Amino acid sequence: MVEIYICMGSACYLKGSKDIVDILSRLVKKYDLKEKVKLKGSFCLGPCNQGVVVKVGDKFFKKMNVENTISIFKEKIYPYILEIIEKSDENE
């Protein structure tokens, strides 16, 4: 199971982390990842001045907002999720 952490700390929350959760939830469904990906709210992930911050595996995605979340997911997060899943399948 790949866990995606969305910062819900005060700085990120004020920058729209709730909207990011909603968008990512829809994308997980759209890309048929419900059985492989779990969205989790998180307290501060660190770089508050670069929020909204999302963490997938060991990678951080910063400055996420309503306008760029879909493109960041398609271009960076989704391929990284597939990479994690592939490595996990190889280890089984």
PDB file of N, CA and C in Angstrom:
ATOM      1  N   MET A   1       0.854  -1.186   0.000  1.00  0.00           N
ATOM      2  CA  MET A   1       0.000   0.000   0.000  1.00  0.00           C
ATOM      3  C   MET A   1       0.893   1.240   0.000  1.00  0.00           C
ATOM      4  N   VAL A   2       0.664   2.108  -0.949  1.00  0.00           N
ATOM      5  CA  VAL A   2       1.395   3.369  -1.021  1.00  0.00           C
ATOM      6  C   VAL A   2       0.613   4.403  -0.220  1.00  0.00           C
ATOM      7  N   GLU A   3       1.291   5.054   0.697  1.00  0.00           N
ATOM      8  CA  GLU A   3       0.633   6.078   1.509  1.00  0.00           C
ATOM      9  C   GLU A   3       1.022   7.459   1.005  1.00  0.00           C
ATOM     10  N   ILE A   4       0.002   8.286   0.808  1.00  0.00           N
ATOM     11  CA  ILE A   4       0.207   9.681   0.419  1.00  0.00           C
ATOM     12  C   ILE A   4      -0.194  10.526   1.616  1.00  0.00           C
ATOM     13  N   TYR A   5       0.770  11.280   2.135  1.00  0.00           N
ATOM     14  CA  TYR A   5       0.522  12.147   3.282  1.00  0.00           C
ATOM     15  C   TYR A   5       0.305  13.571   2.794  1.00  0.00           C
ATOM     16  N   ILE A   6      -0.792  14.166   3.215  1.00  0.00           N
ATOM     17  CA  ILE A   6      -1.093  15.559   2.892  1.00  0.00           C
ATOM     18  C   ILE A   6      -0.995  16.353   4.184  1.00  0.00           C
ATOM     19  N   CYS A   7      -0.158  17.373   4.180  1.00  0.00           N
ATOM     20  CA  CYS A   7       0.008  18.188   5.380  1.00  0.00           C
ATOM     21  C   CYS A   7      -1.298  18.908   5.706  1.00  0.00           C
ATOM     22  N   MET A   8      -1.721  18.772   6.946  1.00  0.00           N
ATOM     23  CA  MET A   8      -2.917  19.457   7.422  1.00  0.00           C
ATOM     24  C   MET A   8      -2.557  20.444   8.529  1.00  0.00           C
ATOM     25  N   GLY A   9      -1.264  20.741   8.655  1.00  0.00           N
ATOM     26  CA  GLY A   9      -0.817  21.739   9.622  1.00  0.00           C
ATOM     27  C   GLY A   9      -1.430  23.088   9.299  1.00  0.00           C
ATOM     28  N   SER A  10      -1.364  24.003  10.222  1.00  0.00           N
ATOM     29  CA  SER A  10      -2.083  25.274  10.062  1.00  0.00           C
ATOM     30  C   SER A  10      -1.679  26.038   8.809  1.00  0.00           C
ATOM     31  N   ALA A  11      -0.397  26.109   8.481  1.00  0.00           N
ATOM     32  CA  ALA A  11       0.028  26.862   7.290  1.00  0.00           C
ATOM     33  C   ALA A  11      -0.517  26.222   6.019  1.00  0.00           C
ATOM     34  N   CYS A  12      -0.387  24.911   5.908  1.00  0.00           N
ATOM     35  CA  CYS A  12      -0.889  24.218   4.715  1.00  0.00           C
ATOM     36  C   CYS A  12      -2.416  24.229   4.668  1.00  0.00           C
ATOM     37  N   TYR A  13      -3.037  24.089   5.824  1.00  0.00           N
ATOM     38  CA  TYR A  13      -4.500  24.110   5.852  1.00  0.00           C
ATOM     39  C   TYR A  13      -5.024  25.444   5.321  1.00  0.00           C
ATOM     40  N   LEU A  14      -4.387  26.530   5.748  1.00  0.00           N
ATOM     41  CA  LEU A  14      -4.802  27.854   5.275  1.00  0.00           C
ATOM     42  C   LEU A  14      -4.547  28.035   3.783  1.00  0.00           C
ATOM     43  N   LYS A  15      -3.602  27.272   3.248  1.00  0.00           N
ATOM     44  CA  LYS A  15      -3.295  27.354   1.816  1.00  0.00           C
ATOM     45  C   LYS A  15      -4.130  26.383   0.985  1.00  0.00           C
ATOM     46  N   GLY A  16      -5.049  25.648   1.623  1.00  0.00           N
ATOM     47  CA  GLY A  16      -5.992  24.831   0.867  1.00  0.00           C
ATOM     48  C   GLY A  16      -5.748  23.340   0.867  1.00  0.00           C
ATOM     49  N   SER A  17      -5.130  22.809   1.913  1.00  0.00           N
ATOM     50  CA  SER A  17      -4.852  21.373   1.926  1.00  0.00           C
ATOM     51  C   SER A  17      -6.121  20.529   1.828  1.00  0.00           C
ATOM     52  N   LYS A  18      -7.226  21.019   2.352  1.00  0.00           N
ATOM     53  CA  LYS A  18      -8.501  20.282   2.244  1.00  0.00           C
ATOM     54  C   LYS A  18      -8.877  20.096   0.781  1.00  0.00           C
ATOM     55  N   ASP A  19      -8.686  21.128  -0.033  1.00  0.00           N
ATOM     56  CA  ASP A  19      -8.973  21.020  -1.466  1.00  0.00           C
ATOM     57  C   ASP A  19      -8.043  20.014  -2.140  1.00  0.00           C
ATOM     58  N   ILE A  20      -6.790  19.972  -1.704  1.00  0.00           N
ATOM     59  CA  ILE A  20      -5.823  19.032  -2.271  1.00  0.00           C
ATOM     60  C   ILE A  20      -6.246  17.598  -1.944  1.00  0.00           C
ATOM     61  N   VAL A  21      -6.716  17.369  -0.735  1.00  0.00           N
ATOM     62  CA  VAL A  21      -7.223  16.047  -0.352  1.00  0.00           C
ATOM     63  C   VAL A  21      -8.362  15.644  -1.281  1.00  0.00           C
ATOM     64  N   ASP A  22      -9.296  16.551  -1.517  1.00  0.00           N
ATOM     65  CA  ASP A  22     -10.439  16.255  -2.387  1.00  0.00           C
ATOM     66  C   ASP A  22      -9.989  15.907  -3.802  1.00  0.00           C
ATOM     67  N   ILE A  23      -9.065  16.687  -4.339  1.00  0.00           N
ATOM     68  CA  ILE A  23      -8.572  16.448  -5.700  1.00  0.00           C
ATOM     69  C   ILE A  23      -7.829  15.115  -5.771  1.00  0.00           C
ATOM     70  N   LEU A  24      -6.935  14.869  -4.823  1.00  0.00           N
ATOM     71  CA  LEU A  24      -6.184  13.612  -4.829  1.00  0.00           C
ATOM     72  C   LEU A  24      -7.103  12.410  -4.659  1.00  0.00           C
ATOM     73  N   SER A  25      -8.130  12.553  -3.862  1.00  0.00           N
ATOM     74  CA  SER A  25      -9.095  11.473  -3.679  1.00  0.00           C
ATOM     75  C   SER A  25      -9.775  11.130  -5.001  1.00  0.00           C
ATOM     76  N   ARG A  26     -10.174  12.150  -5.735  1.00  0.00           N
ATOM     77  CA  ARG A  26     -10.798  11.919  -7.049  1.00  0.00           C
ATOM     78  C   ARG A  26      -9.811  11.274  -8.022  1.00  0.00           C
ATOM     79  N   LEU A  27      -8.551  11.706  -7.991  1.00  0.00           N
ATOM     80  CA  LEU A  27      -7.543  11.153  -8.895  1.00  0.00           C
ATOM     81  C   LEU A  27      -7.228   9.694  -8.565  1.00  0.00           C
ATOM     82  N   VAL A  28      -7.181   9.355  -7.289  1.00  0.00           N
ATOM     83  CA  VAL A  28      -6.952   7.966  -6.886  1.00  0.00           C
ATOM     84  C   VAL A  28      -8.065   7.081  -7.442  1.00  0.00           C
ATOM     85  N   LYS A  29      -9.299   7.554  -7.379  1.00  0.00           N
ATOM     86  CA  LYS A  29     -10.426   6.793  -7.939  1.00  0.00           C
ATOM     87  C   LYS A  29     -10.323   6.718  -9.457  1.00  0.00           C
ATOM     88  N   LYS A  30     -10.052   7.852 -10.097  1.00  0.00           N
ATOM     89  CA  LYS A  30      -9.979   7.917 -11.562  1.00  0.00           C
ATOM     90  C   LYS A  30      -8.910   6.980 -12.119  1.00  0.00           C
ATOM     91  N   TYR A  31      -7.775   6.894 -11.442  1.00  0.00           N
ATOM     92  CA  TYR A  31      -6.669   6.060 -11.905  1.00  0.00           C
ATOM     93  C   TYR A  31      -6.724   4.639 -11.336  1.00  0.00           C
ATOM     94  N   ASP A  32      -7.864   4.289 -10.745  1.00  0.00           N
ATOM     95  CA  ASP A  32      -8.111   2.949 -10.220  1.00  0.00           C
ATOM     96  C   ASP A  32      -7.014   2.496  -9.247  1.00  0.00           C
ATOM     97  N   LEU A  33      -6.723   3.363  -8.291  1.00  0.00           N
ATOM     98  CA  LEU A  33      -5.665   3.092  -7.315  1.00  0.00           C
ATOM     99  C   LEU A  33      -6.198   2.858  -5.904  1.00  0.00           C
ATOM    100  N   LYS A  34      -7.513   2.748  -5.755  1.00  0.00           N
ATOM    101  CA  LYS A  34      -8.097   2.655  -4.412  1.00  0.00           C
ATOM    102  C   LYS A  34      -7.558   1.482  -3.598  1.00  0.00           C
ATOM    103  N   GLU A  35      -7.193   0.392  -4.265  1.00  0.00           N
ATOM    104  CA  GLU A  35      -6.683  -0.785  -3.558  1.00  0.00           C
ATOM    105  C   GLU A  35      -5.185  -0.689  -3.284  1.00  0.00           C
ATOM    106  N   LYS A  36      -4.523   0.311  -3.873  1.00  0.00           N
ATOM    107  CA  LYS A  36      -3.066   0.394  -3.765  1.00  0.00           C
ATOM    108  C   LYS A  36      -2.565   1.658  -3.084  1.00  0.00           C
ATOM    109  N   VAL A  37      -3.447   2.652  -2.938  1.00  0.00           N
ATOM    110  CA  VAL A  37      -3.040   3.950  -2.395  1.00  0.00           C
ATOM    111  C   VAL A  37      -3.963   4.341  -1.252  1.00  0.00           C
ATOM    112  N   LYS A  38      -3.367   4.864  -0.201  1.00  0.00           N
ATOM    113  CA  LYS A  38      -4.150   5.369   0.929  1.00  0.00           C
ATOM    114  C   LYS A  38      -3.750   6.817   1.178  1.00  0.00           C
ATOM    115  N   LEU A  39      -4.742   7.692   1.218  1.00  0.00           N
ATOM    116  CA  LEU A  39      -4.502   9.097   1.543  1.00  0.00           C
ATOM    117  C   LEU A  39      -4.552   9.264   3.055  1.00  0.00           C
ATOM    118  N   LYS A  40      -3.594  10.024   3.583  1.00  0.00           N
ATOM    119  CA  LYS A  40      -3.548  10.253   5.026  1.00  0.00           C
ATOM    120  C   LYS A  40      -3.263  11.717   5.300  1.00  0.00           C
ATOM    121  N   GLY A  41      -4.006  12.275   6.223  1.00  0.00           N
ATOM    122  CA  GLY A  41      -3.694  13.611   6.697  1.00  0.00           C
ATOM    123  C   GLY A  41      -2.498  13.528   7.629  1.00  0.00           C
ATOM    124  N   SER A  42      -1.714  14.579   7.664  1.00  0.00           N
ATOM    125  CA  SER A  42      -0.513  14.583   8.490  1.00  0.00           C
ATOM    126  C   SER A  42      -0.357  15.942   9.150  1.00  0.00           C
ATOM    127  N   PHE A  43       0.248  15.927  10.321  1.00  0.00           N
ATOM    128  CA  PHE A  43       0.650  17.200  10.897  1.00  0.00           C
ATOM    129  C   PHE A  43       1.824  17.706  10.083  1.00  0.00           C
ATOM    130  N   CYS A  44       2.387  18.778  10.452  1.00  0.00           N
ATOM    131  CA  CYS A  44       3.430  19.457   9.681  1.00  0.00           C
ATOM    132  C   CYS A  44       4.463  18.487   9.101  1.00  0.00           C
ATOM    133  N   LEU A  45       4.713  18.635   7.807  1.00  0.00           N
ATOM    134  CA  LEU A  45       5.722  17.824   7.124  1.00  0.00           C
ATOM    135  C   LEU A  45       7.044  18.565   6.968  1.00  0.00           C
ATOM    136  N   GLY A  46       7.112  19.782   7.497  1.00  0.00           N
ATOM    137  CA  GLY A  46       8.388  20.490   7.495  1.00  0.00           C
ATOM    138  C   GLY A  46       8.396  21.847   6.823  1.00  0.00           C
ATOM    139  N   PRO A  47       8.477  21.878   5.499  1.00  0.00           N
ATOM    140  CA  PRO A  47       8.675  23.166   4.814  1.00  0.00           C
ATOM    141  C   PRO A  47       7.387  23.993   4.717  1.00  0.00           C
ATOM    142  N   CYS A  48       6.979  24.564   5.835  1.00  0.00           N
ATOM    143  CA  CYS A  48       5.700  25.282   5.910  1.00  0.00           C
ATOM    144  C   CYS A  48       5.592  26.422   4.895  1.00  0.00           C
ATOM    145  N   ASN A  49       6.705  27.067   4.608  1.00  0.00           N
ATOM    146  CA  ASN A  49       6.653  28.192   3.670  1.00  0.00           C
ATOM    147  C   ASN A  49       6.488  27.722   2.225  1.00  0.00           C
ATOM    148  N   GLN A  50       6.499  26.399   2.003  1.00  0.00           N
ATOM    149  CA  GLN A  50       6.341  25.863   0.657  1.00  0.00           C
ATOM    150  C   GLN A  50       5.093  24.994   0.541  1.00  0.00           C
ATOM    151  N   GLY A  51       4.120  25.249   1.401  1.00  0.00           N
ATOM    152  CA  GLY A  51       2.899  24.449   1.412  1.00  0.00           C
ATOM    153  C   GLY A  51       2.005  24.772   0.237  1.00  0.00           C
ATOM    154  N   VAL A  52       1.119  23.947  -0.041  1.00  0.00           N
ATOM    155  CA  VAL A  52       0.725  22.707   0.604  1.00  0.00           C
ATOM    156  C   VAL A  52       1.769  21.635   0.247  1.00  0.00           C
ATOM    157  N   VAL A  53       2.163  20.872   1.265  1.00  0.00           N
ATOM    158  CA  VAL A  53       3.175  19.838   1.086  1.00  0.00           C
ATOM    159  C   VAL A  53       2.504  18.463   1.088  1.00  0.00           C
ATOM    160  N   VAL A  54       2.918  17.628   0.131  1.00  0.00           N
ATOM    161  CA  VAL A  54       2.437  16.254   0.021  1.00  0.00           C
ATOM    162  C   VAL A  54       3.663  15.351  -0.006  1.00  0.00           C
ATOM    163  N   LYS A  55       3.592  14.241   0.731  1.00  0.00           N
ATOM    164  CA  LYS A  55       4.709  13.291   0.775  1.00  0.00           C
ATOM    165  C   LYS A  55       4.237  11.940   0.266  1.00  0.00           C
ATOM    166  N   VAL A  56       4.981  11.401  -0.692  1.00  0.00           N
ATOM    167  CA  VAL A  56       4.722  10.068  -1.232  1.00  0.00           C
ATOM    168  C   VAL A  56       6.035   9.301  -1.135  1.00  0.00           C
ATOM    169  N   GLY A  57       6.025   8.195  -0.400  1.00  0.00           N
ATOM    170  CA  GLY A  57       7.280   7.477  -0.192  1.00  0.00           C
ATOM    171  C   GLY A  57       8.280   8.396   0.476  1.00  0.00           C
ATOM    172  N   ASP A  58       9.432   8.564  -0.159  1.00  0.00           N
ATOM    173  CA  ASP A  58      10.444   9.454   0.411  1.00  0.00           C
ATOM    174  C   ASP A  58      10.548  10.778  -0.344  1.00  0.00           C
ATOM    175  N   LYS A  59       9.566  11.055  -1.200  1.00  0.00           N
ATOM    176  CA  LYS A  59       9.586  12.294  -1.980  1.00  0.00           C
ATOM    177  C   LYS A  59       8.553  13.292  -1.459  1.00  0.00           C
ATOM    178  N   PHE A  60       8.957  14.554  -1.467  1.00  0.00           N
ATOM    179  CA  PHE A  60       8.074  15.644  -1.079  1.00  0.00           C
ATOM    180  C   PHE A  60       7.672  16.427  -2.323  1.00  0.00           C
ATOM    181  N   PHE A  61       6.401  16.775  -2.393  1.00  0.00           N
ATOM    182  CA  PHE A  61       5.876  17.618  -3.464  1.00  0.00           C
ATOM    183  C   PHE A  61       5.363  18.877  -2.785  1.00  0.00           C
ATOM    184  N   LYS A  62       5.930  20.009  -3.175  1.00  0.00           N
ATOM    185  CA  LYS A  62       5.672  21.262  -2.468  1.00  0.00           C
ATOM    186  C   LYS A  62       4.909  22.237  -3.345  1.00  0.00           C
ATOM    187  N   LYS A  63       4.372  23.262  -2.671  1.00  0.00           N
ATOM    188  CA  LYS A  63       3.632  24.341  -3.329  1.00  0.00           C
ATOM    189  C   LYS A  63       2.472  23.815  -4.167  1.00  0.00           C
ATOM    190  N   MET A  64       1.826  22.777  -3.663  1.00  0.00           N
ATOM    191  CA  MET A  64       0.671  22.236  -4.370  1.00  0.00           C
ATOM    192  C   MET A  64      -0.536  23.115  -4.094  1.00  0.00           C
ATOM    193  N   ASN A  65      -1.339  23.302  -5.126  1.00  0.00           N
ATOM    194  CA  ASN A  65      -2.546  24.107  -4.998  1.00  0.00           C
ATOM    195  C   ASN A  65      -3.598  23.572  -5.956  1.00  0.00           C
ATOM    196  N   VAL A  66      -4.762  24.177  -5.934  1.00  0.00           N
ATOM    197  CA  VAL A  66      -5.873  23.716  -6.760  1.00  0.00           C
ATOM    198  C   VAL A  66      -5.499  23.734  -8.241  1.00  0.00           C
ATOM    199  N   GLU A  67      -4.719  24.713  -8.650  1.00  0.00           N
ATOM    200  CA  GLU A  67      -4.381  24.864 -10.060  1.00  0.00           C
ATOM    201  C   GLU A  67      -3.359  23.838 -10.550  1.00  0.00           C
ATOM    202  N   ASN A  68      -2.450  23.372  -9.694  1.00  0.00           N
ATOM    203  CA  ASN A  68      -1.377  22.509 -10.192  1.00  0.00           C
ATOM    204  C   ASN A  68      -1.436  21.053  -9.721  1.00  0.00           C
ATOM    205  N   THR A  69      -2.351  20.711  -8.856  1.00  0.00           N
ATOM    206  CA  THR A  69      -2.366  19.360  -8.287  1.00  0.00           C
ATOM    207  C   THR A  69      -2.586  18.286  -9.345  1.00  0.00           C
ATOM    208  N   ILE A  70      -3.497  18.496 -10.265  1.00  0.00           N
ATOM    209  CA  ILE A  70      -3.766  17.479 -11.291  1.00  0.00           C
ATOM    210  C   ILE A  70      -2.524  17.245 -12.147  1.00  0.00           C
ATOM    211  N   SER A  71      -1.882  18.314 -12.598  1.00  0.00           N
ATOM    212  CA  SER A  71      -0.699  18.135 -13.451  1.00  0.00           C
ATOM    213  C   SER A  71       0.464  17.517 -12.674  1.00  0.00           C
ATOM    214  N   ILE A  72       0.663  17.910 -11.422  1.00  0.00           N
ATOM    215  CA  ILE A  72       1.729  17.300 -10.614  1.00  0.00           C
ATOM    216  C   ILE A  72       1.443  15.816 -10.402  1.00  0.00           C
ATOM    217  N   PHE A  73       0.185  15.478 -10.174  1.00  0.00           N
ATOM    218  CA  PHE A  73      -0.172  14.070 -10.007  1.00  0.00           C
ATOM    219  C   PHE A  73       0.146  13.287 -11.280  1.00  0.00           C
ATOM    220  N   LYS A  74      -0.324  13.782 -12.419  1.00  0.00           N
ATOM    221  CA  LYS A  74      -0.119  13.069 -13.686  1.00  0.00           C
ATOM    222  C   LYS A  74       1.353  12.943 -14.049  1.00  0.00           C
ATOM    223  N   GLU A  75       2.108  14.018 -13.864  1.00  0.00           N
ATOM    224  CA  GLU A  75       3.495  14.062 -14.334  1.00  0.00           C
ATOM    225  C   GLU A  75       4.501  13.485 -13.343  1.00  0.00           C
ATOM    226  N   LYS A  76       4.215  13.573 -12.049  1.00  0.00           N
ATOM    227  CA  LYS A  76       5.216  13.181 -11.054  1.00  0.00           C
ATOM    228  C   LYS A  76       4.732  12.131 -10.062  1.00  0.00           C
ATOM    229  N   ILE A  77       3.582  12.369  -9.449  1.00  0.00           N
ATOM    230  CA  ILE A  77       3.131  11.477  -8.377  1.00  0.00           C
ATOM    231  C   ILE A  77       2.697  10.124  -8.923  1.00  0.00           C
ATOM    232  N   TYR A  78       1.869  10.107  -9.960  1.00  0.00           N
ATOM    233  CA  TYR A  78       1.382   8.835 -10.512  1.00  0.00           C
ATOM    234  C   TYR A  78       2.535   7.943 -10.988  1.00  0.00           C
ATOM    235  N   PRO A  79       3.481   8.469 -11.781  1.00  0.00           N
ATOM    236  CA  PRO A  79       4.611   7.612 -12.174  1.00  0.00           C
ATOM    237  C   PRO A  79       5.411   7.097 -10.968  1.00  0.00           C
ATOM    238  N   TYR A  80       5.552   7.929  -9.956  1.00  0.00           N
ATOM    239  CA  TYR A  80       6.286   7.508  -8.761  1.00  0.00           C
ATOM    240  C   TYR A  80       5.520   6.416  -8.010  1.00  0.00           C
ATOM    241  N   ILE A  81       4.207   6.537  -7.935  1.00  0.00           N
ATOM    242  CA  ILE A  81       3.383   5.491  -7.312  1.00  0.00           C
ATOM    243  C   ILE A  81       3.583   4.167  -8.051  1.00  0.00           C
ATOM    244  N   LEU A  82       3.538   4.212  -9.379  1.00  0.00           N
ATOM    245  CA  LEU A  82       3.729   2.989 -10.169  1.00  0.00           C
ATOM    246  C   LEU A  82       5.106   2.378  -9.922  1.00  0.00           C
ATOM    247  N   GLU A  83       6.110   3.224  -9.776  1.00  0.00           N
ATOM    248  CA  GLU A  83       7.468   2.759  -9.482  1.00  0.00           C
ATOM    249  C   GLU A  83       7.515   2.050  -8.124  1.00  0.00           C
ATOM    250  N   ILE A  84       6.870   2.637  -7.124  1.00  0.00           N
ATOM    251  CA  ILE A  84       6.829   2.031  -5.787  1.00  0.00           C
ATOM    252  C   ILE A  84       6.101   0.690  -5.836  1.00  0.00           C
ATOM    253  N   ILE A  85       4.976   0.648  -6.539  1.00  0.00           N
ATOM    254  CA  ILE A  85       4.191  -0.589  -6.643  1.00  0.00           C
ATOM    255  C   ILE A  85       5.007  -1.671  -7.347  1.00  0.00           C
ATOM    256  N   GLU A  86       5.686  -1.299  -8.418  1.00  0.00           N
ATOM    257  CA  GLU A  86       6.498  -2.263  -9.165  1.00  0.00           C
ATOM    258  C   GLU A  86       7.609  -2.844  -8.287  1.00  0.00           C
ATOM    259  N   LYS A  87       8.288  -1.990  -7.535  1.00  0.00           N
ATOM    260  CA  LYS A  87       9.347  -2.463  -6.638  1.00  0.00           C
ATOM    261  C   LYS A  87       8.778  -3.379  -5.562  1.00  0.00           C
ATOM    262  N   SER A  88       7.600  -3.030  -5.069  1.00  0.00           N
ATOM    263  CA  SER A  88       6.949  -3.840  -4.043  1.00  0.00           C
ATOM    264  C   SER A  88       6.587  -5.218  -4.597  1.00  0.00           C
ATOM    265  N   ASP A  89       6.072  -5.244  -5.834  1.00  0.00           N
ATOM    266  CA  ASP A  89       5.708  -6.516  -6.463  1.00  0.00           C
ATOM    267  C   ASP A  89       6.938  -7.394  -6.699  1.00  0.00           C
ATOM    268  N   GLU A  90       8.067  -6.773  -7.031  1.00  0.00           N
ATOM    269  CA  GLU A  90       9.306  -7.525  -7.257  1.00  0.00           C
ATOM    270  C   GLU A  90       9.804  -8.168  -5.970  1.00  0.00           C
ATOM    271  N   ASN A  91       9.532  -7.536  -4.842  1.00  0.00           N
ATOM    272  CA  ASN A  91      10.011  -8.042  -3.553  1.00  0.00           C
ATOM    273  C   ASN A  91       9.116  -9.115  -2.956  1.00  0.00           C
ATOM    274  N   GLU A  92       7.989  -9.370  -3.576  1.00  0.00           N
ATOM    275  CA  GLU A  92       7.065 -10.382  -3.027  1.00  0.00           C
ATOM    276  C   GLU A  92       7.391 -11.766  -3.520  1.00  0.00           C
TER     277      GLU A  92
END
